[in-house]
Amino acid sequence: MNNIQLAVFDMAGTTVKDNDEVLACFLEAAKATGLEADKETCHLMIQKAMYRLGLTDPQTVVCVGDTPSDLAAGKNANCRLSLGVTNGTHTKAQLDCCENDGLLNCLSDLKLLIKN
């Protein structure tokens, strides 16, 4: 898999009932970068990272996460791959129901996938 220039990990979401504290921190960080975001626009953070790095093609980006919202962020940002890690907060069965480009047993599997 050639031309991968950016790997984004866990860009959005939380599964902990925290009265939206994590989401609030995420949105505050987004605002600090000049981006107005909400729970539905977390994929914009991927685009912001691309912009900051001078990348214009989302097909050079791989998004990896362990929640449905991570997978959705990668898909909504049109990343080359939006991959789930099944040893995190969600099981393989839970992530398999979501649109994705593959599920990894663990993060170290990413290296093998990108090399091929």
C-alpha atoms as a PDB file:
ATOM      1  CA  MET A   1       0.000   0.000   0.000  1.00  0.00           C
ATOM      2  CA  ASN A   2       1.956   2.960  -1.298  1.00  0.00           C
ATOM      3  CA  ASN A   3       1.694   6.663  -0.609  1.00  0.00           C
ATOM      4  CA  ILE A   4       0.262   6.547   2.916  1.00  0.00           C
ATOM      5  CA  GLN A   5       1.294   9.889   4.377  1.00  0.00           C
ATOM      6  CA  LEU A   6      -0.784  10.085   7.555  1.00  0.00           C
ATOM      7  CA  ALA A   7      -2.247   7.617  10.018  1.00  0.00           C
ATOM      8  CA  VAL A   8      -4.891   9.046  12.324  1.00  0.00           C
ATOM      9  CA  PHE A   9      -5.703   7.192  15.518  1.00  0.00           C
ATOM     10  CA  ASP A  10      -8.921   7.462  17.522  1.00  0.00           C
ATOM     11  CA  MET A  11     -10.175  10.777  16.187  1.00  0.00           C
ATOM     12  CA  ALA A  12     -13.628  10.743  17.694  1.00  0.00           C
ATOM     13  CA  GLY A  13     -15.916   9.343  20.286  1.00  0.00           C
ATOM     14  CA  THR A  14     -15.906   7.724  23.659  1.00  0.00           C
ATOM     15  CA  THR A  15     -17.815   4.862  25.195  1.00  0.00           C
ATOM     16  CA  VAL A  16     -17.422   5.981  28.798  1.00  0.00           C
ATOM     17  CA  LYS A  17     -20.428   7.626  30.375  1.00  0.00           C
ATOM     18  CA  ASP A  18     -18.750  10.850  31.368  1.00  0.00           C
ATOM     19  CA  ASN A  19     -21.519  13.398  30.877  1.00  0.00           C
ATOM     20  CA  ASP A  20     -19.833  14.306  27.570  1.00  0.00           C
ATOM     21  CA  GLU A  21     -16.641  15.545  29.261  1.00  0.00           C
ATOM     22  CA  VAL A  22     -14.397  13.829  26.687  1.00  0.00           C
ATOM     23  CA  LEU A  23     -16.473  15.192  23.822  1.00  0.00           C
ATOM     24  CA  ALA A  24     -16.308  18.671  25.371  1.00  0.00           C
ATOM     25  CA  CYS A  25     -12.499  18.447  25.558  1.00  0.00           C
ATOM     26  CA  PHE A  26     -12.366  17.245  21.962  1.00  0.00           C
ATOM     27  CA  LEU A  27     -14.543  20.104  20.770  1.00  0.00           C
ATOM     28  CA  GLU A  28     -12.517  22.612  22.792  1.00  0.00           C
ATOM     29  CA  ALA A  29      -9.336  21.332  21.155  1.00  0.00           C
ATOM     30  CA  ALA A  30     -10.992  21.636  17.750  1.00  0.00           C
ATOM     31  CA  LYS A  31     -12.011  25.211  18.507  1.00  0.00           C
ATOM     32  CA  ALA A  32      -8.440  26.023  19.574  1.00  0.00           C
ATOM     33  CA  THR A  33      -7.308  25.053  16.062  1.00  0.00           C
ATOM     34  CA  GLY A  34      -9.895  27.370  14.532  1.00  0.00           C
ATOM     35  CA  LEU A  35     -12.397  24.635  13.700  1.00  0.00           C
ATOM     36  CA  GLU A  36     -15.990  24.636  14.837  1.00  0.00           C
ATOM     37  CA  ALA A  37     -17.002  21.004  15.236  1.00  0.00           C
ATOM     38  CA  ASP A  38     -19.687  18.945  16.900  1.00  0.00           C
ATOM     39  CA  LYS A  39     -20.298  15.260  17.463  1.00  0.00           C
ATOM     40  CA  GLU A  40     -21.493  14.891  13.862  1.00  0.00           C
ATOM     41  CA  THR A  41     -18.483  16.643  12.307  1.00  0.00           C
ATOM     42  CA  CYS A  42     -15.557  14.923  14.037  1.00  0.00           C
ATOM     43  CA  HIS A  43     -14.220  13.936  10.620  1.00  0.00           C
ATOM     44  CA  LEU A  44     -13.304  17.571  10.131  1.00  0.00           C
ATOM     45  CA  MET A  45     -10.464  17.036  12.604  1.00  0.00           C
ATOM     46  CA  ILE A  46      -8.913  14.594  10.140  1.00  0.00           C
ATOM     47  CA  GLN A  47      -9.214  17.192   7.407  1.00  0.00           C
ATOM     48  CA  LYS A  48      -7.707  19.787   9.753  1.00  0.00           C
ATOM     49  CA  ALA A  49      -4.726  17.492  10.428  1.00  0.00           C
ATOM     50  CA  MET A  50      -4.302  17.034   6.681  1.00  0.00           C
ATOM     51  CA  TYR A  51      -4.405  20.786   6.137  1.00  0.00           C
ATOM     52  CA  ARG A  52      -1.823  21.391   8.858  1.00  0.00           C
ATOM     53  CA  LEU A  53       0.494  18.860   7.213  1.00  0.00           C
ATOM     54  CA  GLY A  54      -0.076  20.167   3.696  1.00  0.00           C
ATOM     55  CA  LEU A  55      -1.891  17.036   2.540  1.00  0.00           C
ATOM     56  CA  THR A  56      -4.715  17.424   0.055  1.00  0.00           C
ATOM     57  CA  ASP A  57      -5.586  13.839  -0.852  1.00  0.00           C
ATOM     58  CA  PRO A  58      -7.566  11.906   1.795  1.00  0.00           C
ATOM     59  CA  GLN A  59      -6.630   8.732  -0.070  1.00  0.00           C
ATOM     60  CA  THR A  60      -3.179   9.085   1.513  1.00  0.00           C
ATOM     61  CA  VAL A  61      -4.714   8.860   5.014  1.00  0.00           C
ATOM     62  CA  VAL A  62      -5.538   5.815   7.119  1.00  0.00           C
ATOM     63  CA  CYS A  63      -7.883   6.247  10.084  1.00  0.00           C
ATOM     64  CA  VAL A  64      -7.741   3.710  12.927  1.00  0.00           C
ATOM     65  CA  GLY A  65     -10.057   3.594  15.924  1.00  0.00           C
ATOM     66  CA  ASP A  66     -11.909   1.380  18.339  1.00  0.00           C
ATOM     67  CA  THR A  67     -15.386   2.914  18.256  1.00  0.00           C
ATOM     68  CA  PRO A  68     -18.153   3.261  15.683  1.00  0.00           C
ATOM     69  CA  SER A  69     -17.640   7.023  15.671  1.00  0.00           C
ATOM     70  CA  ASP A  70     -13.942   6.561  14.852  1.00  0.00           C
ATOM     71  CA  LEU A  71     -14.888   4.437  11.857  1.00  0.00           C
ATOM     72  CA  ALA A  72     -17.506   6.969  10.771  1.00  0.00           C
ATOM     73  CA  ALA A  73     -15.006   9.831  11.056  1.00  0.00           C
ATOM     74  CA  GLY A  74     -12.617   8.037   8.698  1.00  0.00           C
ATOM     75  CA  LYS A  75     -15.373   7.234   6.229  1.00  0.00           C
ATOM     76  CA  ASN A  76     -16.799  10.766   6.327  1.00  0.00           C
ATOM     77  CA  ALA A  77     -13.323  12.209   5.730  1.00  0.00           C
ATOM     78  CA  ASN A  78     -12.974   9.898   2.681  1.00  0.00           C
ATOM     79  CA  CYS A  79      -9.812   8.291   4.088  1.00  0.00           C
ATOM     80  CA  ARG A  80      -8.204   5.545   2.048  1.00  0.00           C
ATOM     81  CA  LEU A  81      -8.933   3.141   4.893  1.00  0.00           C
ATOM     82  CA  SER A  82     -11.099   3.407   7.978  1.00  0.00           C
ATOM     83  CA  LEU A  83     -10.034   0.528  10.198  1.00  0.00           C
ATOM     84  CA  GLY A  84     -11.320  -0.757  13.511  1.00  0.00           C
ATOM     85  CA  VAL A  85      -9.202  -2.269  16.275  1.00  0.00           C
ATOM     86  CA  THR A  86     -11.124  -5.021  18.026  1.00  0.00           C
ATOM     87  CA  ASN A  87      -9.111  -5.189  21.245  1.00  0.00           C
ATOM     88  CA  GLY A  88     -10.229  -1.734  22.386  1.00  0.00           C
ATOM     89  CA  THR A  89     -13.551  -0.499  23.675  1.00  0.00           C
ATOM     90  CA  HIS A  90     -15.683  -2.418  21.153  1.00  0.00           C
ATOM     91  CA  THR A  91     -15.676  -6.044  20.112  1.00  0.00           C
ATOM     92  CA  LYS A  92     -15.318  -7.356  16.593  1.00  0.00           C
ATOM     93  CA  ALA A  93     -19.052  -8.073  16.479  1.00  0.00           C
ATOM     94  CA  GLN A  94     -19.874  -4.513  17.536  1.00  0.00           C
ATOM     95  CA  LEU A  95     -17.544  -2.933  14.970  1.00  0.00           C
ATOM     96  CA  ASP A  96     -18.438  -5.346  12.182  1.00  0.00           C
ATOM     97  CA  CYS A  97     -21.913  -3.767  12.093  1.00  0.00           C
ATOM     98  CA  CYS A  98     -20.352  -0.429  11.151  1.00  0.00           C
ATOM     99  CA  GLU A  99     -19.113   0.607   7.736  1.00  0.00           C
ATOM    100  CA  ASN A 100     -15.368  -0.099   7.707  1.00  0.00           C
ATOM    101  CA  ASP A 101     -12.488  -1.114   5.472  1.00  0.00           C
ATOM    102  CA  GLY A 102     -11.265  -3.810   7.789  1.00  0.00           C
ATOM    103  CA  LEU A 103     -10.957  -4.852  11.390  1.00  0.00           C
ATOM    104  CA  LEU A 104      -7.620  -5.449  13.100  1.00  0.00           C
ATOM    105  CA  ASN A 105      -7.143  -7.804  16.031  1.00  0.00           C
ATOM    106  CA  CYS A 106      -4.595  -5.392  17.475  1.00  0.00           C
ATOM    107  CA  LEU A 107      -2.790  -2.238  16.427  1.00  0.00           C
ATOM    108  CA  SER A 108       0.381  -4.113  15.471  1.00  0.00           C
ATOM    109  CA  ASP A 109      -1.615  -5.679  12.594  1.00  0.00           C
ATOM    110  CA  LEU A 110      -1.647  -2.246  10.935  1.00  0.00           C
ATOM    111  CA  LYS A 111       2.018  -2.501  10.016  1.00  0.00           C
ATOM    112  CA  LEU A 112       1.425  -5.708   8.076  1.00  0.00           C
ATOM    113  CA  LEU A 113      -1.611  -4.265   6.298  1.00  0.00           C
ATOM    114  CA  ILE A 114       0.199  -1.106   5.204  1.00  0.00           C
ATOM    115  CA  LYS A 115       3.278  -3.035   4.018  1.00  0.00           C
ATOM    116  CA  ASN A 116       1.129  -5.137   1.679  1.00  0.00           C
END
